[in-house]
Protein backbone atom coordinates (compact mmCIF):
# COMPACT_ATOMS: atom_id res chain seq x y z
CA MET A 1 -28.13 29.23 -155.60
CA THR A 2 -30.53 27.42 -153.20
CA HIS A 3 -33.80 26.46 -154.70
CA VAL A 4 -36.68 26.34 -151.97
CA LEU A 5 -39.79 25.05 -154.40
CA GLU A 6 -39.08 22.06 -156.90
CA THR A 7 -41.26 20.25 -159.21
CA LYS A 8 -40.38 17.04 -161.24
CA ASP A 9 -42.33 15.86 -164.49
CA LEU A 10 -45.47 17.29 -162.53
CA THR A 11 -48.77 16.37 -164.95
CA ILE A 12 -52.41 16.93 -164.49
CA ASN A 13 -55.45 15.70 -166.90
CA PHE A 14 -58.96 16.43 -166.85
CA GLY A 15 -60.89 13.49 -168.58
CA GLY A 16 -58.13 12.88 -171.08
CA HIS A 17 -56.89 16.92 -171.36
CA ILE A 18 -53.25 17.33 -170.18
CA ALA A 19 -53.87 20.87 -168.45
CA VAL A 20 -50.03 20.63 -166.85
CA ASN A 21 -47.78 18.21 -169.02
CA LYS A 22 -44.47 17.07 -167.20
CA VAL A 23 -43.10 20.84 -165.65
CA THR A 24 -39.82 20.62 -164.28
CA VAL A 25 -38.86 23.81 -162.58
CA LYS A 26 -36.61 24.85 -159.93
CA ILE A 27 -37.79 28.29 -157.79
CA PRO A 28 -34.67 29.88 -156.13
CA GLU A 29 -35.10 30.97 -152.27
CA LYS A 30 -36.04 34.58 -151.67
CA LYS A 31 -36.22 35.56 -155.52
CA PHE A 32 -39.00 36.65 -157.37
CA THR A 33 -40.41 34.27 -160.27
CA SER A 34 -42.98 35.11 -162.76
CA ILE A 35 -45.23 33.08 -164.21
CA ILE A 36 -46.33 33.94 -167.94
CA GLY A 37 -48.31 32.48 -170.52
CA PRO A 38 -51.23 33.17 -172.91
CA ASN A 39 -54.74 32.17 -171.37
CA GLY A 40 -55.47 28.61 -171.25
CA ALA A 41 -51.26 27.99 -170.46
CA GLY A 42 -52.18 26.13 -167.38
CA LYS A 43 -50.39 28.77 -165.17
CA THR A 44 -53.48 28.50 -162.49
CA THR A 45 -53.64 25.06 -162.76
CA PHE A 46 -49.64 24.84 -161.65
CA PHE A 47 -50.34 27.20 -158.93
CA ASN A 48 -53.11 25.07 -157.65
CA LEU A 49 -50.71 22.05 -157.62
CA LEU A 50 -48.00 23.90 -155.82
CA SER A 51 -50.44 25.02 -153.11
CA GLY A 52 -52.28 21.90 -152.89
CA GLN A 53 -55.88 22.47 -154.07
CA LEU A 54 -55.59 20.07 -156.59
CA SER A 55 -53.59 16.58 -156.54
CA PRO A 56 -51.36 15.65 -159.53
CA SER A 57 -51.85 12.95 -162.01
CA GLU A 58 -48.03 12.20 -161.96
CA GLY A 59 -44.71 13.86 -161.03
CA SER A 60 -43.39 15.31 -157.59
CA ILE A 61 -43.38 18.58 -155.67
CA TYR A 62 -40.45 18.93 -153.14
CA PHE A 63 -40.06 21.96 -150.56
CA LYS A 64 -36.83 22.25 -149.10
CA GLY A 65 -35.69 18.99 -150.56
CA ASN A 66 -38.70 17.42 -149.09
CA GLU A 67 -41.58 15.70 -151.17
CA ILE A 68 -45.00 17.11 -150.55
CA THR A 69 -46.89 15.76 -153.48
CA ARG A 70 -49.88 14.53 -151.19
CA LYS A 71 -49.77 17.24 -148.66
CA SER A 72 -53.23 19.02 -147.94
CA ALA A 73 -53.25 22.81 -148.76
CA THR A 74 -53.64 23.45 -145.17
CA ASP A 75 -50.05 21.29 -144.14
CA ARG A 76 -48.50 23.23 -146.94
CA THR A 77 -49.77 26.63 -145.53
CA ARG A 78 -48.51 25.67 -142.34
CA LEU A 79 -45.09 24.74 -143.93
CA GLY A 80 -44.73 28.06 -145.27
CA ILE A 81 -46.35 28.23 -148.82
CA GLY A 82 -48.83 30.97 -148.93
CA ARG A 83 -51.55 31.36 -152.03
CA SER A 84 -53.44 34.28 -152.93
CA PHE A 85 -56.48 33.79 -155.05
CA GLN A 86 -57.97 36.15 -158.22
CA ILE A 87 -60.77 36.22 -156.12
CA THR A 88 -60.10 37.85 -152.61
CA ASN A 89 -60.47 35.75 -149.81
CA VAL A 90 -60.86 37.53 -146.13
CA PHE A 91 -63.24 37.52 -143.94
CA PRO A 92 -65.93 40.48 -145.24
CA ASN A 93 -67.48 41.27 -141.75
CA LEU A 94 -64.48 41.61 -139.66
CA THR A 95 -62.31 44.42 -139.19
CA VAL A 96 -59.15 44.59 -141.32
CA LEU A 97 -57.29 44.78 -137.83
CA GLU A 98 -59.53 41.62 -137.18
CA ASN A 99 -58.50 39.55 -140.35
CA VAL A 100 -54.66 40.03 -139.86
CA ARG A 101 -55.00 39.22 -136.03
CA LEU A 102 -57.00 36.02 -136.81
CA ALA A 103 -54.07 35.27 -138.94
CA VAL A 104 -51.50 36.12 -136.35
CA GLN A 105 -53.27 34.03 -133.53
CA SER A 106 -53.27 31.31 -136.12
CA GLN A 107 -49.68 31.07 -136.53
CA ALA A 108 -49.18 31.27 -133.02
CA ASN A 109 -51.72 27.96 -132.60
CA VAL A 110 -53.91 30.14 -130.36
CA ARG A 111 -57.70 30.19 -130.56
CA TYR A 112 -59.93 33.02 -129.23
CA GLN A 113 -61.41 32.49 -125.90
CA MET A 114 -64.21 34.37 -124.41
CA ILE A 115 -63.17 33.83 -120.98
CA LYS A 116 -59.65 35.61 -121.25
CA HIS A 117 -59.46 39.34 -121.35
CA PHE A 118 -58.70 41.03 -124.65
CA LEU A 119 -55.45 42.48 -123.04
CA HIS A 120 -54.42 38.64 -123.43
CA TYR A 121 -54.63 39.12 -127.03
CA LYS A 122 -52.70 42.61 -127.50
CA LYS A 123 -49.72 41.16 -128.51
CA PHE A 124 -51.22 39.82 -131.31
CA GLU A 125 -52.79 42.86 -132.28
CA GLN A 126 -49.68 44.97 -131.89
CA LYS A 127 -48.01 42.17 -134.51
CA ALA A 128 -51.14 42.63 -136.98
CA TYR A 129 -51.09 46.61 -137.23
CA THR A 130 -47.32 46.50 -138.03
CA ILE A 131 -47.93 44.51 -140.83
CA LEU A 132 -50.71 46.55 -142.03
CA GLU A 133 -48.22 49.21 -141.94
CA ARG A 134 -45.87 47.07 -144.32
CA VAL A 135 -48.81 46.72 -147.15
CA LEU A 136 -50.04 50.47 -146.52
CA LEU A 137 -53.34 49.71 -144.92
CA ASP A 138 -52.60 50.67 -141.57
CA ASP A 139 -55.19 53.64 -142.06
CA LYS A 140 -58.14 51.20 -142.86
CA ALA A 141 -57.45 48.99 -139.63
CA ASN A 142 -60.67 49.59 -138.38
CA HIS A 143 -62.81 49.78 -141.54
CA ILE A 144 -64.94 46.42 -141.96
CA ALA A 145 -63.60 44.41 -145.01
CA VAL A 146 -66.50 43.98 -146.85
CA ASN A 147 -66.51 48.04 -147.28
CA LEU A 148 -62.74 47.93 -148.68
CA ALA A 149 -62.10 49.01 -152.35
CA HIS A 150 -61.09 46.07 -154.45
CA GLY A 151 -57.34 46.85 -154.36
CA GLU A 152 -57.65 47.11 -150.39
CA LYS A 153 -58.85 43.83 -150.37
CA ARG A 154 -55.83 42.40 -152.30
CA LYS A 155 -53.76 44.03 -149.97
CA LEU A 156 -55.24 42.41 -147.11
CA GLU A 157 -54.94 39.24 -148.32
CA ILE A 158 -50.92 39.69 -148.86
CA ALA A 159 -51.15 40.87 -144.91
CA MET A 160 -52.84 37.57 -143.81
CA LEU A 161 -50.55 36.03 -145.71
CA LEU A 162 -47.33 37.32 -144.29
CA ALA A 163 -49.21 37.04 -140.50
CA LEU A 164 -48.84 33.57 -141.24
CA GLU A 165 -44.90 33.64 -141.84
CA THR A 166 -45.47 32.27 -144.67
CA GLU A 167 -41.87 31.75 -146.71
CA ILE A 168 -43.25 31.32 -150.30
CA LEU A 169 -45.87 34.03 -151.58
CA LEU A 170 -47.89 32.33 -154.23
CA LEU A 171 -49.57 35.45 -156.22
CA ASP A 172 -52.17 34.79 -158.33
CA GLU A 173 -52.89 37.66 -160.64
CA PRO A 174 -52.93 40.25 -157.65
CA THR A 175 -53.99 43.19 -159.73
CA ALA A 176 -56.82 41.14 -161.32
CA GLY A 177 -60.22 43.16 -161.43
CA MET A 178 -58.30 46.49 -160.56
CA SER A 179 -58.81 49.96 -161.57
CA LEU A 180 -55.90 51.48 -163.21
CA GLU A 181 -55.85 53.94 -160.36
CA GLU A 182 -55.67 50.99 -157.79
CA VAL A 183 -52.62 49.26 -159.58
CA PRO A 184 -49.61 51.20 -158.83
CA ALA A 185 -50.47 50.63 -154.92
CA ILE A 186 -50.28 47.34 -155.18
CA ILE A 187 -47.44 47.12 -156.85
CA ASP A 188 -45.65 49.52 -154.07
CA VAL A 189 -46.47 46.55 -151.63
CA ILE A 190 -45.02 43.79 -153.89
CA ARG A 191 -41.98 45.60 -154.63
CA GLN A 192 -41.86 46.56 -150.48
CA ILE A 193 -41.97 42.97 -150.12
CA LYS A 194 -39.34 42.04 -152.51
CA ALA A 195 -36.88 44.69 -151.17
CA GLU A 196 -36.82 42.90 -147.72
CA GLU A 197 -35.49 40.03 -149.38
CA ASP A 198 -36.95 37.69 -146.70
CA ARG A 199 -39.64 35.44 -148.71
CA THR A 200 -39.85 34.27 -152.10
CA ILE A 201 -42.32 35.46 -154.12
CA VAL A 202 -43.49 33.58 -157.38
CA LEU A 203 -45.97 35.34 -159.32
CA ILE A 204 -49.00 34.74 -162.14
CA GLU A 205 -49.46 38.10 -164.11
CA HIS A 206 -50.33 39.48 -167.27
CA LYS A 207 -48.86 42.87 -167.45
CA MET A 208 -45.53 42.98 -168.80
CA ASP A 209 -44.24 45.98 -167.61
CA MET A 210 -44.66 44.78 -163.82
CA ILE A 211 -42.98 41.24 -164.73
CA MET A 212 -40.28 43.46 -166.25
CA ASP A 213 -39.82 45.39 -163.21
CA LEU A 214 -40.04 42.86 -160.79
CA SER A 215 -38.97 39.42 -161.75
CA ASP A 216 -35.60 37.64 -161.18
CA GLU A 217 -36.82 35.18 -163.35
CA VAL A 218 -39.35 34.38 -165.76
CA LEU A 219 -41.18 31.39 -166.70
CA VAL A 220 -43.29 30.43 -169.83
CA LEU A 221 -45.80 27.91 -170.05
CA PHE A 222 -48.03 27.55 -173.27
CA HIS A 223 -50.48 24.83 -173.60
CA GLY A 224 -49.31 23.10 -170.20
CA GLU A 225 -45.73 22.43 -171.17
CA LEU A 226 -42.77 24.72 -169.88
CA ILE A 227 -41.19 26.26 -173.12
CA ALA A 228 -39.10 28.63 -171.54
CA LYS A 229 -36.86 30.39 -168.80
CA GLY A 230 -34.81 33.37 -168.27
CA THR A 231 -34.35 36.85 -167.09
CA PRO A 232 -36.99 39.15 -168.14
CA GLU A 233 -35.01 40.67 -171.20
CA GLU A 234 -34.32 37.14 -172.37
CA ILE A 235 -37.91 36.24 -172.39
CA VAL A 236 -38.96 39.42 -174.11
CA GLU A 237 -36.17 38.37 -177.06
CA ASN A 238 -36.95 34.40 -176.97
CA GLU A 239 -38.64 33.62 -180.48
CA THR A 240 -40.37 30.46 -179.24
CA VAL A 241 -42.49 32.73 -176.50
CA GLN A 242 -43.00 35.66 -179.24
CA SER A 243 -44.71 32.98 -181.46
CA ALA A 244 -46.64 31.15 -178.49
CA TYR A 245 -48.47 34.55 -177.82
CA LEU A 246 -50.43 34.46 -180.94
CA GLY A 247 -53.27 36.92 -182.36
CA GLY A 248 -51.29 39.72 -181.95
CA MET A 249 -50.49 39.29 -177.96
CA TYR A 250 -46.55 39.67 -178.36
CA ASP A 251 -47.24 43.22 -179.54
CA GLU A 252 -49.61 43.94 -177.10
CA GLN A 253 -47.88 41.77 -174.19
CA LEU A 254 -44.49 41.57 -174.70
CA ALA A 255 -43.19 44.43 -176.81
């Protein structure tokens, strides 16, 4: 099995508090890996290390066998590592189509120039529209992004990552803040991306039914340490994982 992303003894501490502690993982290429753990387990901090928002105190990160530990978040995006956040990150005053078109142009390394005729950018617009179809947002193409529902903004953010042609999608709680009615739509989008089998997806999520449905492998963090990995079925039956979810969380999250 080919591994596209790898960490070795990845560690970060903040003023003596170790948020991620010697985590060594190998993320398989074009598979769906989920990361779970109780609140405060270090999941988002680990994502911030993978995407370059934070630099580790110790350890290394490798992408396709090449070390990227000290590369910036921008450099990692250019390499093919895309990251979504718990809070949506779009251009609120542009249309949905313009948001994605700008991402397409960025990937093509083409800046907008006022003196060029709009038809010069038509190919970028067509590609952007195709991507909106993939995330079930084409009917909102001409809507201003700020007016979208929360779940639609999350789909737009994923569309922008696809436009950047990222090989790895790091999705940090994509259903966070959504109403119950919005959740199935975003799950359908993620399921469709997985079915296309052309990208590696790494997900942080609390919804265990979503983890069970989509994941090929699950990693479990607890107090910043990797305590288990395996298939969703193996993780549910893992006694170490069960004991990590204290205060009845096992019954709610893993049963």
